[in-house]
Amino acid sequence: MDVASATGKQDQHQKMVAVIIDDLGNNMKGTEQILNLPIKITVAVMPFLPSTKQDAIEAHKRGHDVIVHLPMEPKQGRPEWLGPGAIKANMSDEEVRAKVTAAIKEVPLR
């Protein structure tokens, strides 16, 4: 028994942790196991990939939160690692806005 329970005092501040699993949407091994975790998680789904919609819909069905993982050009690294729909440094504001809008439409958020 912990001290709070023994004294009848409860901690007013509940500690919480957010778990975010990255890079869903590419029909990867392990996706089913991730979605079957016995805790609520947030999955970051990459748009424009083979299982983007399927992974997002399945995550919602299982009560998980879904966010869009929109790749952005790194200062260092290989551009070919970015995947489709990536935001790049040389894009105009309008191009970035269009890419973000398309990505949001691609990943079912409800």
N, C-alpha and C. Protein backbone atom coordinates (compact mmCIF):
# COMPACT_ATOMS: atom_id res chain seq x y z
N MET A 1 0.85 -1.17 0.00
CA MET A 1 0.00 0.00 0.00
C MET A 1 0.89 1.23 0.00
N ASP A 2 0.56 2.20 -0.82
CA ASP A 2 1.37 3.41 -0.87
C ASP A 2 0.96 4.37 0.24
N VAL A 3 1.79 5.38 0.45
CA VAL A 3 1.58 6.34 1.53
C VAL A 3 0.26 7.09 1.38
N ALA A 4 -0.09 7.48 0.15
CA ALA A 4 -1.32 8.24 -0.07
C ALA A 4 -2.53 7.40 0.31
N SER A 5 -2.54 6.13 -0.04
CA SER A 5 -3.66 5.27 0.30
C SER A 5 -3.74 5.04 1.80
N ALA A 6 -2.58 4.86 2.44
CA ALA A 6 -2.54 4.59 3.87
C ALA A 6 -3.03 5.79 4.68
N THR A 7 -2.76 6.98 4.21
CA THR A 7 -3.15 8.18 4.95
C THR A 7 -4.50 8.72 4.53
N GLY A 8 -5.07 8.12 3.46
CA GLY A 8 -6.36 8.61 2.97
C GLY A 8 -6.24 9.83 2.09
N LYS A 9 -5.04 10.28 1.82
CA LYS A 9 -4.83 11.46 0.97
C LYS A 9 -4.55 10.99 -0.46
N GLN A 10 -5.21 11.61 -1.40
CA GLN A 10 -4.99 11.27 -2.80
C GLN A 10 -4.23 12.40 -3.48
N ASP A 11 -3.32 12.03 -4.33
CA ASP A 11 -2.57 13.01 -5.11
C ASP A 11 -3.54 13.72 -6.05
N GLN A 12 -3.54 15.04 -6.03
CA GLN A 12 -4.44 15.83 -6.87
C GLN A 12 -3.99 15.86 -8.33
N HIS A 13 -2.76 15.50 -8.59
CA HIS A 13 -2.20 15.58 -9.94
C HIS A 13 -1.97 14.17 -10.48
N GLN A 14 -2.78 13.80 -11.44
CA GLN A 14 -2.62 12.51 -12.07
C GLN A 14 -1.57 12.62 -13.16
N LYS A 15 -0.62 11.73 -13.14
CA LYS A 15 0.42 11.73 -14.15
C LYS A 15 -0.06 10.95 -15.36
N MET A 16 0.21 11.50 -16.55
CA MET A 16 -0.22 10.86 -17.78
C MET A 16 0.93 10.81 -18.78
N VAL A 17 0.87 9.86 -19.67
CA VAL A 17 1.86 9.72 -20.73
C VAL A 17 1.12 9.59 -22.05
N ALA A 18 1.61 10.27 -23.06
CA ALA A 18 1.06 10.12 -24.41
C ALA A 18 1.99 9.20 -25.19
N VAL A 19 1.40 8.22 -25.85
CA VAL A 19 2.17 7.30 -26.68
C VAL A 19 1.79 7.56 -28.13
N ILE A 20 2.77 7.94 -28.94
CA ILE A 20 2.55 8.20 -30.35
C ILE A 20 3.40 7.23 -31.16
N ILE A 21 2.73 6.48 -32.02
CA ILE A 21 3.42 5.54 -32.91
C ILE A 21 3.45 6.17 -34.30
N ASP A 22 4.62 6.23 -34.85
CA ASP A 22 4.89 6.96 -36.09
C ASP A 22 4.89 6.04 -37.31
N ASP A 23 4.64 6.64 -38.46
CA ASP A 23 4.88 6.03 -39.77
C ASP A 23 3.90 4.94 -40.18
N LEU A 24 2.65 4.99 -39.74
CA LEU A 24 1.67 4.05 -40.27
C LEU A 24 1.27 4.50 -41.67
N GLY A 25 0.68 3.59 -42.42
CA GLY A 25 0.19 3.92 -43.76
C GLY A 25 0.93 3.22 -44.89
N ASN A 26 1.99 2.52 -44.58
CA ASN A 26 2.78 1.90 -45.64
C ASN A 26 2.70 0.38 -45.60
N ASN A 27 1.59 -0.14 -45.07
CA ASN A 27 1.36 -1.58 -45.05
C ASN A 27 2.53 -2.32 -44.41
N MET A 28 3.00 -1.79 -43.29
CA MET A 28 4.18 -2.35 -42.62
C MET A 28 3.81 -3.51 -41.70
N LYS A 29 4.74 -4.44 -41.55
CA LYS A 29 4.57 -5.51 -40.57
C LYS A 29 4.51 -4.86 -39.19
N GLY A 30 3.66 -5.38 -38.34
CA GLY A 30 3.55 -4.87 -36.98
C GLY A 30 2.40 -3.91 -36.77
N THR A 31 1.78 -3.44 -37.86
CA THR A 31 0.68 -2.49 -37.71
C THR A 31 -0.46 -3.10 -36.91
N GLU A 32 -0.82 -4.32 -37.21
CA GLU A 32 -1.91 -4.99 -36.48
C GLU A 32 -1.59 -5.08 -34.99
N GLN A 33 -0.36 -5.43 -34.66
CA GLN A 33 0.04 -5.53 -33.26
C GLN A 33 -0.02 -4.16 -32.57
N ILE A 34 0.40 -3.13 -33.28
CA ILE A 34 0.34 -1.77 -32.73
C ILE A 34 -1.10 -1.39 -32.43
N LEU A 35 -1.99 -1.65 -33.38
CA LEU A 35 -3.40 -1.28 -33.19
C LEU A 35 -4.09 -2.12 -32.14
N ASN A 36 -3.51 -3.27 -31.79
CA ASN A 36 -4.08 -4.13 -30.76
C ASN A 36 -3.51 -3.86 -29.37
N LEU A 37 -2.66 -2.85 -29.22
CA LEU A 37 -2.12 -2.55 -27.89
C LEU A 37 -3.26 -2.29 -26.92
N PRO A 38 -3.12 -2.71 -25.68
CA PRO A 38 -4.21 -2.59 -24.71
C PRO A 38 -4.33 -1.21 -24.06
N ILE A 39 -3.72 -0.23 -24.67
CA ILE A 39 -3.80 1.14 -24.16
C ILE A 39 -4.23 2.05 -25.31
N LYS A 40 -4.74 3.22 -24.96
CA LYS A 40 -5.07 4.20 -26.00
C LYS A 40 -3.77 4.85 -26.48
N ILE A 41 -3.61 4.86 -27.80
CA ILE A 41 -2.41 5.46 -28.39
C ILE A 41 -2.83 6.47 -29.45
N THR A 42 -1.87 7.22 -29.91
CA THR A 42 -2.04 8.09 -31.07
C THR A 42 -1.17 7.53 -32.17
N VAL A 43 -1.76 7.36 -33.34
CA VAL A 43 -0.97 6.89 -34.48
C VAL A 43 -0.80 8.03 -35.46
N ALA A 44 0.42 8.20 -35.93
CA ALA A 44 0.73 9.21 -36.95
C ALA A 44 0.77 8.49 -38.28
N VAL A 45 -0.20 8.80 -39.14
CA VAL A 45 -0.35 8.10 -40.41
C VAL A 45 0.16 8.97 -41.55
N MET A 46 1.05 8.41 -42.35
CA MET A 46 1.60 9.14 -43.49
C MET A 46 0.60 9.10 -44.64
N PRO A 47 0.35 10.23 -45.29
CA PRO A 47 -0.60 10.26 -46.40
C PRO A 47 0.00 9.69 -47.68
N PHE A 48 -0.90 9.36 -48.61
CA PHE A 48 -0.53 8.95 -49.97
C PHE A 48 0.26 7.65 -50.05
N LEU A 49 0.06 6.77 -49.08
CA LEU A 49 0.73 5.47 -49.08
C LEU A 49 -0.30 4.35 -49.23
N PRO A 50 0.15 3.12 -49.51
CA PRO A 50 -0.78 2.03 -49.82
C PRO A 50 -1.88 1.77 -48.78
N SER A 51 -1.57 1.87 -47.50
CA SER A 51 -2.58 1.55 -46.49
C SER A 51 -2.94 2.76 -45.62
N THR A 52 -2.74 3.96 -46.14
CA THR A 52 -3.05 5.18 -45.38
C THR A 52 -4.47 5.17 -44.83
N LYS A 53 -5.43 5.08 -45.72
CA LYS A 53 -6.84 5.15 -45.30
C LYS A 53 -7.21 3.97 -44.42
N GLN A 54 -6.81 2.78 -44.81
CA GLN A 54 -7.12 1.57 -44.06
C GLN A 54 -6.57 1.66 -42.63
N ASP A 55 -5.32 2.06 -42.47
CA ASP A 55 -4.71 2.14 -41.14
C ASP A 55 -5.41 3.19 -40.27
N ALA A 56 -5.72 4.34 -40.86
CA ALA A 56 -6.40 5.39 -40.09
C ALA A 56 -7.79 4.95 -39.66
N ILE A 57 -8.54 4.36 -40.57
CA ILE A 57 -9.91 3.91 -40.25
C ILE A 57 -9.87 2.83 -39.16
N GLU A 58 -8.95 1.89 -39.29
CA GLU A 58 -8.85 0.82 -38.30
C GLU A 58 -8.44 1.36 -36.94
N ALA A 59 -7.54 2.33 -36.91
CA ALA A 59 -7.15 2.94 -35.63
C ALA A 59 -8.35 3.60 -34.96
N HIS A 60 -9.14 4.32 -35.74
CA HIS A 60 -10.35 4.94 -35.18
C HIS A 60 -11.31 3.90 -34.63
N LYS A 61 -11.52 2.82 -35.36
CA LYS A 61 -12.43 1.77 -34.91
C LYS A 61 -12.01 1.21 -33.56
N ARG A 62 -10.71 1.18 -33.33
CA ARG A 62 -10.19 0.61 -32.08
C ARG A 62 -10.02 1.65 -30.97
N GLY A 63 -10.50 2.88 -31.23
CA GLY A 63 -10.50 3.90 -30.19
C GLY A 63 -9.22 4.70 -30.06
N HIS A 64 -8.33 4.60 -31.03
CA HIS A 64 -7.08 5.34 -30.99
C HIS A 64 -7.25 6.71 -31.66
N ASP A 65 -6.41 7.63 -31.30
CA ASP A 65 -6.38 8.94 -31.97
C ASP A 65 -5.49 8.83 -33.21
N VAL A 66 -5.83 9.61 -34.23
CA VAL A 66 -5.09 9.60 -35.49
C VAL A 66 -4.65 11.03 -35.81
N ILE A 67 -3.38 11.17 -36.14
CA ILE A 67 -2.86 12.44 -36.62
C ILE A 67 -2.17 12.22 -37.95
N VAL A 68 -2.03 13.29 -38.72
CA VAL A 68 -1.35 13.22 -40.01
C VAL A 68 0.15 13.39 -39.79
N HIS A 69 0.91 12.46 -40.33
CA HIS A 69 2.37 12.58 -40.31
C HIS A 69 2.78 13.10 -41.68
N LEU A 70 3.07 14.37 -41.72
CA LEU A 70 3.43 15.00 -42.99
C LEU A 70 4.94 15.18 -43.03
N PRO A 71 5.62 14.44 -43.89
CA PRO A 71 7.08 14.54 -43.96
C PRO A 71 7.53 15.93 -44.40
N MET A 72 8.62 16.37 -43.82
CA MET A 72 9.21 17.67 -44.17
C MET A 72 10.68 17.47 -44.47
N GLU A 73 11.16 18.25 -45.39
CA GLU A 73 12.56 18.16 -45.80
C GLU A 73 13.48 18.46 -44.62
N PRO A 74 14.43 17.57 -44.35
CA PRO A 74 15.37 17.82 -43.25
C PRO A 74 16.53 18.71 -43.70
N LYS A 75 17.21 19.30 -42.73
CA LYS A 75 18.41 20.06 -43.07
C LYS A 75 19.49 19.12 -43.57
N GLN A 76 19.53 17.93 -42.98
CA GLN A 76 20.48 16.91 -43.42
C GLN A 76 19.70 15.63 -43.65
N GLY A 77 20.16 14.82 -44.52
CA GLY A 77 19.47 13.57 -44.82
C GLY A 77 19.14 13.50 -46.30
N ARG A 78 18.57 12.41 -46.67
CA ARG A 78 18.29 12.16 -48.07
C ARG A 78 16.84 12.53 -48.41
N PRO A 79 16.64 13.39 -49.41
CA PRO A 79 15.28 13.76 -49.81
C PRO A 79 14.43 12.56 -50.23
N GLU A 80 15.05 11.51 -50.77
CA GLU A 80 14.28 10.35 -51.21
C GLU A 80 13.65 9.58 -50.04
N TRP A 81 14.07 9.87 -48.82
CA TRP A 81 13.48 9.25 -47.65
C TRP A 81 12.13 9.88 -47.29
N LEU A 82 11.82 11.01 -47.88
CA LEU A 82 10.64 11.77 -47.48
C LEU A 82 9.32 11.10 -47.80
N GLY A 83 9.21 10.46 -48.91
CA GLY A 83 7.94 9.88 -49.32
C GLY A 83 7.08 10.90 -50.04
N PRO A 84 5.92 10.46 -50.53
CA PRO A 84 5.06 11.34 -51.32
C PRO A 84 4.42 12.44 -50.49
N GLY A 85 4.22 13.60 -51.13
CA GLY A 85 3.52 14.71 -50.48
C GLY A 85 4.34 15.50 -49.48
N ALA A 86 5.65 15.33 -49.50
CA ALA A 86 6.51 16.00 -48.52
C ALA A 86 6.55 17.51 -48.72
N ILE A 87 6.76 18.21 -47.62
CA ILE A 87 6.95 19.66 -47.64
C ILE A 87 8.45 19.91 -47.82
N LYS A 88 8.79 20.76 -48.78
CA LYS A 88 10.20 21.05 -49.05
C LYS A 88 10.47 22.54 -48.86
N ALA A 89 11.71 22.85 -48.53
CA ALA A 89 12.10 24.22 -48.20
C ALA A 89 11.90 25.20 -49.35
N ASN A 90 11.96 24.74 -50.57
CA ASN A 90 11.86 25.65 -51.71
C ASN A 90 10.41 25.91 -52.14
N MET A 91 9.44 25.39 -51.42
CA MET A 91 8.03 25.57 -51.79
C MET A 91 7.51 26.93 -51.36
N SER A 92 6.58 27.45 -52.14
CA SER A 92 5.91 28.71 -51.77
C SER A 92 4.87 28.43 -50.68
N ASP A 93 4.38 29.48 -50.05
CA ASP A 93 3.34 29.32 -49.04
C ASP A 93 2.12 28.62 -49.63
N GLU A 94 1.77 28.96 -50.85
CA GLU A 94 0.61 28.36 -51.50
C GLU A 94 0.82 26.86 -51.73
N GLU A 95 2.02 26.48 -52.14
CA GLU A 95 2.33 25.06 -52.36
C GLU A 95 2.26 24.29 -51.05
N VAL A 96 2.80 24.88 -49.99
CA VAL A 96 2.76 24.22 -48.68
C VAL A 96 1.32 24.06 -48.24
N ARG A 97 0.53 25.11 -48.37
CA ARG A 97 -0.88 25.06 -47.98
C ARG A 97 -1.62 23.96 -48.76
N ALA A 98 -1.36 23.87 -50.05
CA ALA A 98 -2.00 22.85 -50.88
C ALA A 98 -1.59 21.44 -50.44
N LYS A 99 -0.32 21.24 -50.14
CA LYS A 99 0.16 19.93 -49.69
C LYS A 99 -0.46 19.54 -48.35
N VAL A 100 -0.53 20.48 -47.43
CA VAL A 100 -1.12 20.21 -46.11
C VAL A 100 -2.60 19.87 -46.26
N THR A 101 -3.31 20.64 -47.06
CA THR A 101 -4.74 20.40 -47.28
C THR A 101 -4.97 19.03 -47.90
N ALA A 102 -4.18 18.66 -48.89
CA ALA A 102 -4.31 17.36 -49.55
C ALA A 102 -4.01 16.22 -48.57
N ALA A 103 -3.00 16.40 -47.73
CA ALA A 103 -2.64 15.37 -46.75
C ALA A 103 -3.75 15.17 -45.73
N ILE A 104 -4.34 16.25 -45.26
CA ILE A 104 -5.44 16.15 -44.30
C ILE A 104 -6.64 15.43 -44.92
N LYS A 105 -6.92 15.70 -46.17
CA LYS A 105 -8.02 15.03 -46.86
C LYS A 105 -7.74 13.54 -47.07
N GLU A 106 -6.47 13.19 -47.19
CA GLU A 106 -6.06 11.81 -47.48
C GLU A 106 -6.16 10.89 -46.25
N VAL A 107 -5.97 11.44 -45.05
CA VAL A 107 -5.97 10.65 -43.83
C VAL A 107 -7.29 10.84 -43.10
N PRO A 108 -8.15 9.82 -43.08
CA PRO A 108 -9.43 9.96 -42.37
C PRO A 108 -9.19 10.27 -40.89
N LEU A 109 -9.70 11.39 -40.43
CA LEU A 109 -9.47 11.80 -39.04
C LEU A 109 -10.67 11.50 -38.14
N ARG A 110 -11.67 10.88 -38.65
CA ARG A 110 -12.84 10.47 -37.84
C ARG A 110 -13.41 9.20 -38.38
